[in-house]
Amino acid sequence: MRDLGPLGGALRAWRERLTPADVGMITGPDRRTPGLRREELAALADVSVDYVVRLEQGRARPSRAVLGALTRALLLSKDERDHLFRLAGQEPPAADMISDYIPAGVQRLMVRLGDIAIAVFSADWTLVSWSPLWGALMGFPSARTQELPNLIRMTFRGDGVAHGFGDYPIRTVGDPAQDRADLVADLRAATGRYPHDPRLASLIDELLLNEEFAAIWKLGAVARHESVRKHVSHPLGEIVLDCDAITVPGADLHILVYTAAEGTADAQLLEFLRVTRDSSIADRNRG
């Protein structure tokens, strides 16, 4: 067997130790391939199959964004993530900087809750990961490995409507102004935990050019963002959802879960999305 080199060998070993079930993929009963296929890893990390091949052959130098995506796709531990970064010639993420790392246990939880719309954001509200149902509901983000969408950046675009996840407008139900103020207060709280993070500082400098954000920021409020309700203008119809936050001890993440009350038209639309999403995934991954 060809020597793949340290990076290629590690990627292949991590890929082959996983099963499709570990990452929430549906496969047929006659599957013989051990571990994940290259095309399955490519889909999970949102890169091309050719790029995975070149990585395993040592012919590509991955960016930090790609390394983060591979970390999540391969369910790596923090030590394994740091090893991956070093093999790629990159410094591992510093402990005092905002991290996009999702603990393997949280990733497994997301797999087990695959029929729920759930998204994970870092401390500065950068979108890090999402369930397939969340993607079907909100519109799948584009250019994932180039620049992950940031919820606060999207919120202060001027019309109070978030479009950055995909093509579907998303509005806050109730008091949108209070929701925006809560997001700013939460972002200010992050500056206390990460005073030297360059990504956070750059985001705030950019947002201060927005008059509404600057006015709220000037108030100096510090708080954690609370649960809200969201209105999604989906091609299937208008859907109103409860958006609740889950915290994980030791992981500075915003985990948002979107649900609808049983028996409502919103729940029926959400269930229709889940069924059609599961069918399409099964057709794509079977074999």
C-alpha atoms as a PDB file:
ATOM      1  CA  MET A   1       0.000   0.000   0.000  1.00  0.00           C
ATOM      2  CA  ARG A   2       1.278   3.460  -0.867  1.00  0.00           C
ATOM      3  CA  ASP A   3       2.630   5.549   2.023  1.00  0.00           C
ATOM      4  CA  LEU A   4       0.109   8.356   2.294  1.00  0.00           C
ATOM      5  CA  GLY A   5       2.262  10.525   4.540  1.00  0.00           C
ATOM      6  CA  PRO A   6       1.388  11.660   8.084  1.00  0.00           C
ATOM      7  CA  LEU A   7      -1.592  13.859   7.152  1.00  0.00           C
ATOM      8  CA  GLY A   8      -3.032  11.485   4.570  1.00  0.00           C
ATOM      9  CA  GLY A   9      -2.555   8.464   6.806  1.00  0.00           C
ATOM     10  CA  ALA A  10      -4.274  10.157   9.746  1.00  0.00           C
ATOM     11  CA  LEU A  11      -7.215  11.295   7.625  1.00  0.00           C
ATOM     12  CA  ARG A  12      -7.680   7.840   6.186  1.00  0.00           C
ATOM     13  CA  ALA A  13      -7.472   6.176   9.610  1.00  0.00           C
ATOM     14  CA  TRP A  14     -10.022   8.574  11.087  1.00  0.00           C
ATOM     15  CA  ARG A  15     -12.308   8.140   8.077  1.00  0.00           C
ATOM     16  CA  GLU A  16     -12.181   4.338   8.218  1.00  0.00           C
ATOM     17  CA  ARG A  17     -12.911   4.110  11.930  1.00  0.00           C
ATOM     18  CA  LEU A  18     -16.308   5.779  11.469  1.00  0.00           C
ATOM     19  CA  THR A  19     -19.475   4.117  10.237  1.00  0.00           C
ATOM     20  CA  PRO A  20     -22.195   5.890   8.263  1.00  0.00           C
ATOM     21  CA  ALA A  21     -24.474   5.503  11.295  1.00  0.00           C
ATOM     22  CA  ASP A  22     -21.956   7.443  13.405  1.00  0.00           C
ATOM     23  CA  VAL A  23     -22.552  10.506  11.254  1.00  0.00           C
ATOM     24  CA  GLY A  24     -26.268   9.991  10.623  1.00  0.00           C
ATOM     25  CA  MET A  25     -26.057   8.560   7.106  1.00  0.00           C
ATOM     26  CA  ILE A  26     -28.503   5.982   5.791  1.00  0.00           C
ATOM     27  CA  THR A  27     -27.074   3.098   3.754  1.00  0.00           C
ATOM     28  CA  GLY A  28     -28.312  -0.112   2.191  1.00  0.00           C
ATOM     29  CA  PRO A  29     -27.887  -3.582   3.778  1.00  0.00           C
ATOM     30  CA  ASP A  30     -25.347  -4.787   1.195  1.00  0.00           C
ATOM     31  CA  ARG A  31     -22.707  -2.150   1.924  1.00  0.00           C
ATOM     32  CA  ARG A  32     -19.183  -3.621   2.072  1.00  0.00           C
ATOM     33  CA  THR A  33     -17.030  -0.513   2.390  1.00  0.00           C
ATOM     34  CA  PRO A  34     -15.393  -0.270   5.831  1.00  0.00           C
ATOM     35  CA  GLY A  35     -15.763   3.119   7.435  1.00  0.00           C
ATOM     36  CA  LEU A  36     -16.788   6.202   5.495  1.00  0.00           C
ATOM     37  CA  ARG A  37     -16.250   6.518   1.775  1.00  0.00           C
ATOM     38  CA  ARG A  38     -14.298   9.479   0.469  1.00  0.00           C
ATOM     39  CA  GLU A  39     -17.422  10.929  -1.112  1.00  0.00           C
ATOM     40  CA  GLU A  40     -19.239  10.687   2.217  1.00  0.00           C
ATOM     41  CA  LEU A  41     -16.469  12.546   4.035  1.00  0.00           C
ATOM     42  CA  ALA A  42     -16.456  15.113   1.234  1.00  0.00           C
ATOM     43  CA  ALA A  43     -20.183  15.700   1.670  1.00  0.00           C
ATOM     44  CA  LEU A  44     -19.852  16.048   5.444  1.00  0.00           C
ATOM     45  CA  ALA A  45     -16.943  18.504   5.181  1.00  0.00           C
ATOM     46  CA  ASP A  46     -18.456  20.330   2.179  1.00  0.00           C
ATOM     47  CA  VAL A  47     -15.433  19.820  -0.072  1.00  0.00           C
ATOM     48  CA  SER A  48     -15.043  17.959  -3.348  1.00  0.00           C
ATOM     49  CA  VAL A  49     -14.214  14.256  -3.527  1.00  0.00           C
ATOM     50  CA  ASP A  50     -11.140  15.136  -5.587  1.00  0.00           C
ATOM     51  CA  TYR A  51      -9.983  17.414  -2.778  1.00  0.00           C
ATOM     52  CA  VAL A  52     -10.329  14.584  -0.218  1.00  0.00           C
ATOM     53  CA  VAL A  53      -8.268  12.350  -2.529  1.00  0.00           C
ATOM     54  CA  ARG A  54      -5.562  15.015  -2.842  1.00  0.00           C
ATOM     55  CA  LEU A  55      -5.536  15.512   0.944  1.00  0.00           C
ATOM     56  CA  GLU A  56      -5.068  11.799   1.553  1.00  0.00           C
ATOM     57  CA  GLN A  57      -2.318  11.697  -1.061  1.00  0.00           C
ATOM     58  CA  GLY A  58      -0.539  14.680   0.456  1.00  0.00           C
ATOM     59  CA  ARG A  59      -1.127  16.863  -2.608  1.00  0.00           C
ATOM     60  CA  ALA A  60      -3.198  19.601  -0.942  1.00  0.00           C
ATOM     61  CA  ARG A  61      -2.586  22.064   1.876  1.00  0.00           C
ATOM     62  CA  PRO A  62      -5.873  22.604   3.723  1.00  0.00           C
ATOM     63  CA  SER A  63      -6.883  25.984   5.105  1.00  0.00           C
ATOM     64  CA  ARG A  64      -7.871  26.456   8.729  1.00  0.00           C
ATOM     65  CA  ALA A  65     -11.532  26.554   7.690  1.00  0.00           C
ATOM     66  CA  VAL A  66     -11.209  23.199   5.922  1.00  0.00           C
ATOM     67  CA  LEU A  67      -9.368  21.744   8.921  1.00  0.00           C
ATOM     68  CA  GLY A  68     -12.241  22.846  11.135  1.00  0.00           C
ATOM     69  CA  ALA A  69     -14.760  21.237   8.788  1.00  0.00           C
ATOM     70  CA  LEU A  70     -12.735  17.999   8.755  1.00  0.00           C
ATOM     71  CA  THR A  71     -12.560  18.062  12.557  1.00  0.00           C
ATOM     72  CA  ARG A  72     -16.346  18.175  12.772  1.00  0.00           C
ATOM     73  CA  ALA A  73     -16.918  15.662   9.974  1.00  0.00           C
ATOM     74  CA  LEU A  74     -14.541  13.106  11.494  1.00  0.00           C
ATOM     75  CA  LEU A  75     -15.813  13.607  15.082  1.00  0.00           C
ATOM     76  CA  LEU A  76     -12.299  14.337  16.315  1.00  0.00           C
ATOM     77  CA  SER A  77     -11.420  14.990  19.941  1.00  0.00           C
ATOM     78  CA  LYS A  78      -9.605  18.217  20.850  1.00  0.00           C
ATOM     79  CA  ASP A  79      -6.269  16.393  20.983  1.00  0.00           C
ATOM     80  CA  GLU A  80      -6.952  14.850  17.565  1.00  0.00           C
ATOM     81  CA  ARG A  81      -7.976  18.241  16.196  1.00  0.00           C
ATOM     82  CA  ASP A  82      -4.736  19.789  17.406  1.00  0.00           C
ATOM     83  CA  HIS A  83      -2.774  16.893  15.869  1.00  0.00           C
ATOM     84  CA  LEU A  84      -4.594  17.418  12.560  1.00  0.00           C
ATOM     85  CA  PHE A  85      -3.701  21.114  12.527  1.00  0.00           C
ATOM     86  CA  ARG A  86      -0.035  20.370  13.235  1.00  0.00           C
ATOM     87  CA  LEU A  87       0.129  17.700  10.524  1.00  0.00           C
ATOM     88  CA  ALA A  88      -1.201  20.326   8.109  1.00  0.00           C
ATOM     89  CA  GLY A  89       1.471  22.821   9.171  1.00  0.00           C
ATOM     90  CA  GLN A  90      -0.945  25.028  11.097  1.00  0.00           C
ATOM     91  CA  GLU A  91      -0.949  26.151  14.722  1.00  0.00           C
ATOM     92  CA  PRO A  92      -3.876  24.619  16.662  1.00  0.00           C
ATOM     93  CA  PRO A  93      -6.559  27.076  17.811  1.00  0.00           C
ATOM     94  CA  ALA A  94      -5.451  28.937  20.921  1.00  0.00           C
ATOM     95  CA  ALA A  95      -7.358  28.297  24.132  1.00  0.00           C
ATOM     96  CA  ASP A  96      -8.084  32.017  24.694  1.00  0.00           C
ATOM     97  CA  MET A  97      -9.617  32.504  21.237  1.00  0.00           C
ATOM     98  CA  ILE A  98     -13.169  31.797  20.121  1.00  0.00           C
ATOM     99  CA  SER A  99     -13.364  28.182  19.040  1.00  0.00           C
ATOM    100  CA  ASP A 100     -15.481  26.556  16.351  1.00  0.00           C
ATOM    101  CA  TYR A 101     -14.801  23.171  17.927  1.00  0.00           C
ATOM    102  CA  ILE A 102     -17.838  21.019  18.750  1.00  0.00           C
ATOM    103  CA  PRO A 103     -17.180  18.254  21.313  1.00  0.00           C
ATOM    104  CA  ALA A 104     -17.592  14.786  19.838  1.00  0.00           C
ATOM    105  CA  GLY A 105     -20.368  14.093  22.356  1.00  0.00           C
ATOM    106  CA  VAL A 106     -22.350  17.077  21.087  1.00  0.00           C
ATOM    107  CA  GLN A 107     -21.812  15.933  17.512  1.00  0.00           C
ATOM    108  CA  ARG A 108     -23.120  12.472  18.392  1.00  0.00           C
ATOM    109  CA  LEU A 109     -26.096  14.113  20.105  1.00  0.00           C
ATOM    110  CA  MET A 110     -26.846  16.017  16.898  1.00  0.00           C
ATOM    111  CA  VAL A 111     -26.736  12.745  14.958  1.00  0.00           C
ATOM    112  CA  ARG A 112     -29.169  11.127  17.404  1.00  0.00           C
ATOM    113  CA  LEU A 113     -31.441  14.174  17.143  1.00  0.00           C
ATOM    114  CA  GLY A 114     -31.225  14.173  13.369  1.00  0.00           C
ATOM    115  CA  ASP A 115     -34.988  14.531  12.968  1.00  0.00           C
ATOM    116  CA  ILE A 116     -34.912  17.870  14.812  1.00  0.00           C
ATOM    117  CA  ALA A 117     -33.919  21.237  13.361  1.00  0.00           C
ATOM    118  CA  ILE A 118     -30.804  22.157  15.321  1.00  0.00           C
ATOM    119  CA  ALA A 119     -27.901  24.524  14.654  1.00  0.00           C
ATOM    120  CA  VAL A 120     -24.676  25.245  16.527  1.00  0.00           C
ATOM    121  CA  PHE A 121     -23.090  28.695  16.732  1.00  0.00           C
ATOM    122  CA  SER A 122     -19.766  29.721  18.252  1.00  0.00           C
ATOM    123  CA  ALA A 123     -19.457  32.391  20.950  1.00  0.00           C
ATOM    124  CA  ASP A 124     -19.498  35.195  18.352  1.00  0.00           C
ATOM    125  CA  TRP A 125     -22.604  33.690  16.689  1.00  0.00           C
ATOM    126  CA  THR A 126     -20.782  32.239  13.697  1.00  0.00           C
ATOM    127  CA  LEU A 127     -22.679  29.235  12.324  1.00  0.00           C
ATOM    128  CA  VAL A 128     -20.565  26.121  12.892  1.00  0.00           C
ATOM    129  CA  SER A 129     -22.806  23.116  12.227  1.00  0.00           C
ATOM    130  CA  TRP A 130     -26.413  22.196  11.551  1.00  0.00           C
ATOM    131  CA  SER A 131     -28.694  19.207  11.154  1.00  0.00           C
ATOM    132  CA  PRO A 132     -30.087  18.258   7.729  1.00  0.00           C
ATOM    133  CA  LEU A 133     -33.598  19.287   8.820  1.00  0.00           C
ATOM    134  CA  TRP A 134     -32.320  22.694   9.907  1.00  0.00           C
ATOM    135  CA  GLY A 135     -30.724  23.108   6.487  1.00  0.00           C
ATOM    136  CA  ALA A 136     -33.955  22.117   4.749  1.00  0.00           C
ATOM    137  CA  LEU A 137     -35.893  24.528   6.953  1.00  0.00           C
ATOM    138  CA  MET A 138     -33.639  27.567   6.830  1.00  0.00           C
ATOM    139  CA  GLY A 139     -31.970  27.068   3.450  1.00  0.00           C
ATOM    140  CA  PHE A 140     -28.573  25.420   3.259  1.00  0.00           C
ATOM    141  CA  PRO A 141     -25.694  27.868   3.743  1.00  0.00           C
ATOM    142  CA  SER A 142     -23.419  28.337   0.766  1.00  0.00           C
ATOM    143  CA  ALA A 143     -19.620  28.577   0.527  1.00  0.00           C
ATOM    144  CA  ARG A 144     -19.302  26.871   3.895  1.00  0.00           C
ATOM    145  CA  THR A 145     -15.568  26.396   3.741  1.00  0.00           C
ATOM    146  CA  GLN A 146     -14.932  29.969   2.586  1.00  0.00           C
ATOM    147  CA  GLU A 147     -16.824  32.009   5.196  1.00  0.00           C
ATOM    148  CA  LEU A 148     -19.364  30.655   7.632  1.00  0.00           C
ATOM    149  CA  PRO A 149     -22.435  32.881   8.058  1.00  0.00           C
ATOM    150  CA  ASN A 150     -22.665  34.974  11.207  1.00  0.00           C
ATOM    151  CA  LEU A 151     -26.114  35.467  12.744  1.00  0.00           C
ATOM    152  CA  ILE A 152     -25.457  38.946  14.111  1.00  0.00           C
ATOM    153  CA  ARG A 153     -23.964  40.185  10.836  1.00  0.00           C
ATOM    154  CA  MET A 154     -27.062  38.908   9.042  1.00  0.00           C
ATOM    155  CA  THR A 155     -29.405  40.449  11.631  1.00  0.00           C
ATOM    156  CA  PHE A 156     -28.077  43.973  11.183  1.00  0.00           C
ATOM    157  CA  ARG A 157     -28.273  44.157   7.416  1.00  0.00           C
ATOM    158  CA  GLY A 158     -30.895  46.873   7.673  1.00  0.00           C
ATOM    159  CA  ASP A 159     -34.234  45.182   7.071  1.00  0.00           C
ATOM    160  CA  GLY A 160     -34.448  43.033  10.205  1.00  0.00           C
ATOM    161  CA  VAL A 161     -34.682  39.933   8.033  1.00  0.00           C
ATOM    162  CA  ALA A 162     -31.978  37.285   7.943  1.00  0.00           C
ATOM    163  CA  HIS A 163     -31.290  35.869   4.478  1.00  0.00           C
ATOM    164  CA  GLY A 164     -27.715  34.654   4.902  1.00  0.00           C
ATOM    165  CA  PHE A 165     -28.380  31.003   5.730  1.00  0.00           C
ATOM    166  CA  GLY A 166     -30.040  30.374   2.388  1.00  0.00           C
ATOM    167  CA  ASP A 167     -32.851  31.898   0.360  1.00  0.00           C
ATOM    168  CA  TYR A 168     -35.605  31.932   2.986  1.00  0.00           C
ATOM    169  CA  PRO A 169     -36.388  35.119   4.974  1.00  0.00           C
ATOM    170  CA  ILE A 170     -36.349  34.606   8.760  1.00  0.00           C
ATOM    171  CA  ARG A 171     -37.981  37.053  11.187  1.00  0.00           C
ATOM    172  CA  THR A 172     -38.295  37.255  14.947  1.00  0.00           C
ATOM    173  CA  VAL A 173     -41.849  36.979  16.273  1.00  0.00           C
ATOM    174  CA  GLY A 174     -42.854  39.458  18.969  1.00  0.00           C
ATOM    175  CA  ASP A 175     -40.274  42.171  19.605  1.00  0.00           C
ATOM    176  CA  PRO A 176     -37.526  42.047  16.960  1.00  0.00           C
ATOM    177  CA  ALA A 177     -35.833  45.116  18.440  1.00  0.00           C
ATOM    178  CA  GLN A 178     -35.436  43.394  21.805  1.00  0.00           C
ATOM    179  CA  ASP A 179     -34.100  40.280  20.105  1.00  0.00           C
ATOM    180  CA  ARG A 180     -31.472  42.356  18.310  1.00  0.00           C
ATOM    181  CA  ALA A 181     -30.572  44.111  21.581  1.00  0.00           C
ATOM    182  CA  ASP A 182     -30.184  40.725  23.292  1.00  0.00           C
ATOM    183  CA  LEU A 183     -27.841  39.551  20.544  1.00  0.00           C
ATOM    184  CA  VAL A 184     -25.679  42.661  20.947  1.00  0.00           C
ATOM    185  CA  ALA A 185     -25.594  42.198  24.727  1.00  0.00           C
ATOM    186  CA  ASP A 186     -24.547  38.579  24.245  1.00  0.00           C
ATOM    187  CA  LEU A 187     -21.796  39.626  21.838  1.00  0.00           C
ATOM    188  CA  ARG A 188     -20.512  42.147  24.387  1.00  0.00           C
ATOM    189  CA  ALA A 189     -20.381  39.364  26.966  1.00  0.00           C
ATOM    190  CA  ALA A 190     -18.162  37.406  24.560  1.00  0.00           C
ATOM    191  CA  THR A 191     -15.659  40.297  24.478  1.00  0.00           C
ATOM    192  CA  GLY A 192     -15.109  39.794  28.207  1.00  0.00           C
ATOM    193  CA  ARG A 193     -14.253  36.133  27.685  1.00  0.00           C
ATOM    194  CA  TYR A 194     -12.184  36.692  24.522  1.00  0.00           C
ATOM    195  CA  PRO A 195     -10.673  40.190  24.774  1.00  0.00           C
ATOM    196  CA  HIS A 196      -7.874  39.421  22.310  1.00  0.00           C
ATOM    197  CA  ASP A 197      -9.757  37.446  19.656  1.00  0.00           C
ATOM    198  CA  PRO A 198      -9.087  39.082  16.253  1.00  0.00           C
ATOM    199  CA  ARG A 199     -12.164  37.601  14.547  1.00  0.00           C
ATOM    200  CA  LEU A 200     -14.431  38.980  17.255  1.00  0.00           C
ATOM    201  CA  ALA A 201     -12.750  42.393  17.164  1.00  0.00           C
ATOM    202  CA  SER A 202     -13.050  42.541  13.371  1.00  0.00           C
ATOM    203  CA  LEU A 203     -16.732  41.593  13.522  1.00  0.00           C
ATOM    204  CA  ILE A 204     -17.486  44.341  16.048  1.00  0.00           C
ATOM    205  CA  ASP A 205     -15.576  46.959  14.033  1.00  0.00           C
ATOM    206  CA  GLU A 206     -17.632  45.993  10.993  1.00  0.00           C
ATOM    207  CA  LEU A 207     -20.927  46.056  12.880  1.00  0.00           C
ATOM    208  CA  LEU A 208     -20.220  49.452  14.450  1.00  0.00           C
ATOM    209  CA  LEU A 209     -20.661  50.934  10.970  1.00  0.00           C
ATOM    210  CA  ASN A 210     -24.352  50.035  11.345  1.00  0.00           C
ATOM    211  CA  GLU A 211     -26.193  52.856  13.148  1.00  0.00           C
ATOM    212  CA  GLU A 212     -28.622  50.599  15.013  1.00  0.00           C
ATOM    213  CA  PHE A 213     -25.900  48.250  16.207  1.00  0.00           C
ATOM    214  CA  ALA A 214     -23.688  51.168  17.265  1.00  0.00           C
ATOM    215  CA  ALA A 215     -26.538  52.731  19.270  1.00  0.00           C
ATOM    216  CA  ILE A 216     -27.258  49.466  21.084  1.00  0.00           C
ATOM    217  CA  TRP A 217     -23.558  48.768  21.636  1.00  0.00           C
ATOM    218  CA  LYS A 218     -23.132  52.204  23.230  1.00  0.00           C
ATOM    219  CA  LEU A 219     -25.621  51.218  25.968  1.00  0.00           C
ATOM    220  CA  GLY A 220     -23.114  48.702  27.297  1.00  0.00           C
ATOM    221  CA  ALA A 221     -25.615  45.973  28.187  1.00  0.00           C
ATOM    222  CA  VAL A 222     -24.188  42.518  28.931  1.00  0.00           C
ATOM    223  CA  ALA A 223     -26.455  39.465  28.876  1.00  0.00           C
ATOM    224  CA  ARG A 224     -27.017  36.007  27.462  1.00  0.00           C
ATOM    225  CA  HIS A 225     -29.400  35.660  24.542  1.00  0.00           C
ATOM    226  CA  GLU A 226     -32.803  34.254  25.510  1.00  0.00           C
ATOM    227  CA  SER A 227     -35.176  31.903  23.692  1.00  0.00           C
ATOM    228  CA  VAL A 228     -37.322  33.477  20.976  1.00  0.00           C
ATOM    229  CA  ARG A 229     -39.841  32.538  18.299  1.00  0.00           C
ATOM    230  CA  LYS A 230     -38.928  32.637  14.618  1.00  0.00           C
ATOM    231  CA  HIS A 231     -41.035  33.051  11.489  1.00  0.00           C
ATOM    232  CA  VAL A 232     -39.629  31.349   8.387  1.00  0.00           C
ATOM    233  CA  SER A 233     -40.963  32.183   4.938  1.00  0.00           C
ATOM    234  CA  HIS A 234     -40.397  28.754   3.417  1.00  0.00           C
ATOM    235  CA  PRO A 235     -41.488  27.702  -0.104  1.00  0.00           C
ATOM    236  CA  LEU A 236     -43.798  25.166   1.575  1.00  0.00           C
ATOM    237  CA  GLY A 237     -45.501  27.911   3.554  1.00  0.00           C
ATOM    238  CA  GLU A 238     -45.099  30.226   6.522  1.00  0.00           C
ATOM    239  CA  ILE A 239     -43.688  28.375   9.559  1.00  0.00           C
ATOM    240  CA  VAL A 240     -43.525  29.733  13.122  1.00  0.00           C
ATOM    241  CA  LEU A 241     -41.156  27.922  15.476  1.00  0.00           C
ATOM    242  CA  ASP A 242     -39.957  28.062  19.057  1.00  0.00           C
ATOM    243  CA  CYS A 243     -36.197  28.653  19.146  1.00  0.00           C
ATOM    244  CA  ASP A 244     -34.660  27.407  22.397  1.00  0.00           C
ATOM    245  CA  ALA A 245     -31.023  27.498  23.468  1.00  0.00           C
ATOM    246  CA  ILE A 246     -29.070  24.575  24.948  1.00  0.00           C
ATOM    247  CA  THR A 247     -25.797  25.114  26.772  1.00  0.00           C
ATOM    248  CA  VAL A 248     -22.986  22.576  27.153  1.00  0.00           C
ATOM    249  CA  PRO A 249     -20.666  22.844  30.169  1.00  0.00           C
ATOM    250  CA  GLY A 250     -17.109  23.457  29.030  1.00  0.00           C
ATOM    251  CA  ALA A 251     -18.108  24.412  25.473  1.00  0.00           C
ATOM    252  CA  ASP A 252     -18.815  28.071  24.711  1.00  0.00           C
ATOM    253  CA  LEU A 253     -21.434  27.356  22.052  1.00  0.00           C
ATOM    254  CA  HIS A 254     -24.959  28.484  21.232  1.00  0.00           C
ATOM    255  CA  ILE A 255     -26.985  25.383  20.370  1.00  0.00           C
ATOM    256  CA  LEU A 256     -30.377  26.432  19.007  1.00  0.00           C
ATOM    257  CA  VAL A 257     -33.237  23.970  18.653  1.00  0.00           C
ATOM    258  CA  TYR A 258     -36.245  24.830  16.475  1.00  0.00           C
ATOM    259  CA  THR A 259     -39.536  23.060  17.230  1.00  0.00           C
ATOM    260  CA  ALA A 260     -43.285  23.474  16.755  1.00  0.00           C
ATOM    261  CA  ALA A 261     -46.141  22.431  19.038  1.00  0.00           C
ATOM    262  CA  GLU A 262     -47.673  19.056  18.163  1.00  0.00           C
ATOM    263  CA  GLY A 263     -50.872  19.190  16.149  1.00  0.00           C
ATOM    264  CA  THR A 264     -50.234  22.615  14.661  1.00  0.00           C
ATOM    265  CA  ALA A 265     -49.917  23.462  10.984  1.00  0.00           C
ATOM    266  CA  ASP A 266     -46.318  24.469  11.716  1.00  0.00           C
ATOM    267  CA  ALA A 267     -45.579  20.983  13.102  1.00  0.00           C
ATOM    268  CA  GLN A 268     -47.151  19.367  10.035  1.00  0.00           C
ATOM    269  CA  LEU A 269     -44.982  21.430   7.690  1.00  0.00           C
ATOM    270  CA  LEU A 270     -41.907  20.588   9.747  1.00  0.00           C
ATOM    271  CA  GLU A 271     -42.767  16.876   9.643  1.00  0.00           C
ATOM    272  CA  PHE A 272     -43.295  17.038   5.873  1.00  0.00           C
ATOM    273  CA  LEU A 273     -39.839  18.598   5.530  1.00  0.00           C
ATOM    274  CA  ARG A 274     -38.339  15.855   7.691  1.00  0.00           C
ATOM    275  CA  VAL A 275     -39.936  13.032   5.687  1.00  0.00           C
ATOM    276  CA  THR A 276     -38.989  14.464   2.300  1.00  0.00           C
ATOM    277  CA  ARG A 277     -35.481  15.257   3.558  1.00  0.00           C
ATOM    278  CA  ASP A 278     -35.018  11.690   4.877  1.00  0.00           C
ATOM    279  CA  SER A 279     -36.237  10.236   1.578  1.00  0.00           C
ATOM    280  CA  SER A 280     -33.828  12.309  -0.492  1.00  0.00           C
ATOM    281  CA  ILE A 281     -30.887  11.475   1.802  1.00  0.00           C
ATOM    282  CA  ALA A 282     -31.716   7.761   1.699  1.00  0.00           C
ATOM    283  CA  ASP A 283     -31.852   7.802  -2.105  1.00  0.00           C
ATOM    284  CA  ARG A 284     -28.521   9.645  -2.293  1.00  0.00           C
ATOM    285  CA  ASN A 285     -26.637   7.510   0.242  1.00  0.00           C
ATOM    286  CA  ARG A 286     -28.080   4.054  -0.443  1.00  0.00           C
ATOM    287  CA  GLY A 287     -25.610   1.549  -1.818  1.00  0.00           C
END
